[in-house]
Amino acid sequence: MNKINYTSLLNQLKERGMHKSDLVPFAKINSNAVRAISIGKPISMGALLRICNALDCDVSDVMSVRSPSDQSTKER
């Protein structure tokens, strides 16, 4: 199963002096989306686009998807 990685989003927030919880008012997403980001679960496309618009970036700048073969290679 593919795994979602939000490390690049967290890095962007850190560079801006922001926390994940700041996304609720800043990007107008709900706390459930922030919780999902915290545990690497999928969020809605709408929430993802609002984050990208708020941060003025592309989807690839805030998340990546890793296939099981990518994960097993990195775990070795």
Protein backbone atom coordinates (compact mmCIF):
# COMPACT_ATOMS: atom_id res chain seq x y z
CA MET A 1 0.00 0.00 0.00
CA ASN A 2 1.31 3.46 -0.86
CA LYS A 3 2.27 5.75 1.99
CA ILE A 4 1.74 9.50 2.05
CA ASN A 5 4.63 11.64 3.24
CA TYR A 6 4.04 15.22 4.39
CA THR A 7 7.63 15.93 5.44
CA SER A 8 8.03 18.62 2.79
CA LEU A 9 4.92 20.40 4.13
CA LEU A 10 6.28 20.27 7.66
CA ASN A 11 9.59 21.66 6.42
CA GLN A 12 7.80 24.51 4.63
CA LEU A 13 5.88 25.35 7.79
CA LYS A 14 9.05 25.28 9.88
CA GLU A 15 10.80 27.64 7.45
CA ARG A 16 7.88 30.06 7.86
CA GLY A 17 7.88 29.78 11.66
CA MET A 18 4.49 28.04 11.57
CA HIS A 19 3.03 24.95 13.21
CA LYS A 20 0.59 22.42 11.75
CA SER A 21 -2.21 23.92 13.83
CA ASP A 22 -1.64 27.26 12.07
CA LEU A 23 -3.00 25.66 8.90
CA VAL A 24 -6.56 25.72 10.28
CA PRO A 25 -7.00 29.51 10.06
CA PHE A 26 -4.26 30.15 7.48
CA ALA A 27 -5.35 27.61 4.84
CA LYS A 28 -8.95 27.35 6.06
CA ILE A 29 -8.81 23.59 6.60
CA ASN A 30 -10.36 21.74 9.51
CA SER A 31 -8.60 20.14 12.44
CA ASN A 32 -9.37 16.65 11.09
CA ALA A 33 -7.16 17.38 8.07
CA VAL A 34 -4.36 18.55 10.38
CA ARG A 35 -4.73 15.35 12.40
CA ALA A 36 -4.56 13.27 9.21
CA ILE A 37 -1.39 15.10 8.16
CA SER A 38 0.11 14.37 11.59
CA ILE A 39 -0.34 10.63 11.14
CA GLY A 40 0.35 10.40 7.41
CA LYS A 41 -3.22 9.73 6.32
CA PRO A 42 -4.84 11.07 3.15
CA ILE A 43 -6.56 14.45 3.18
CA SER A 44 -9.14 15.73 0.72
CA MET A 45 -8.05 17.27 -2.54
CA GLY A 46 -9.84 20.45 -1.48
CA ALA A 47 -7.80 20.69 1.73
CA LEU A 48 -4.62 19.97 -0.19
CA LEU A 49 -5.37 22.70 -2.72
CA ARG A 50 -6.21 25.21 0.04
CA ILE A 51 -2.86 24.46 1.69
CA CYS A 52 -1.06 24.93 -1.63
CA ASN A 53 -2.88 28.19 -2.33
CA ALA A 54 -2.14 29.53 1.14
CA LEU A 55 1.55 28.60 0.89
CA ASP A 56 1.76 29.60 -2.79
CA CYS A 57 3.22 26.26 -3.85
CA ASP A 58 2.44 23.06 -5.78
CA VAL A 59 1.18 19.74 -4.44
CA SER A 60 4.62 18.21 -4.97
CA ASP A 61 6.01 20.89 -2.64
CA VAL A 62 3.90 19.68 0.29
CA MET A 63 3.52 15.92 -0.10
CA SER A 64 4.82 12.82 -1.79
CA VAL A 65 3.54 9.27 -2.20
CA ARG A 66 5.85 6.34 -1.69
CA SER A 67 5.16 2.93 -3.09
CA PRO A 68 5.86 -0.20 -1.03
CA SER A 69 8.96 -0.89 -3.16
CA ASP A 70 10.34 2.58 -2.31
CA GLN A 71 9.73 1.93 1.40
CA SER A 72 11.41 -1.46 1.45
CA THR A 73 14.48 -0.04 -0.31
CA LYS A 74 14.84 2.73 2.27
CA GLU A 75 14.34 0.36 5.21
CA ARG A 76 17.37 -1.78 4.28
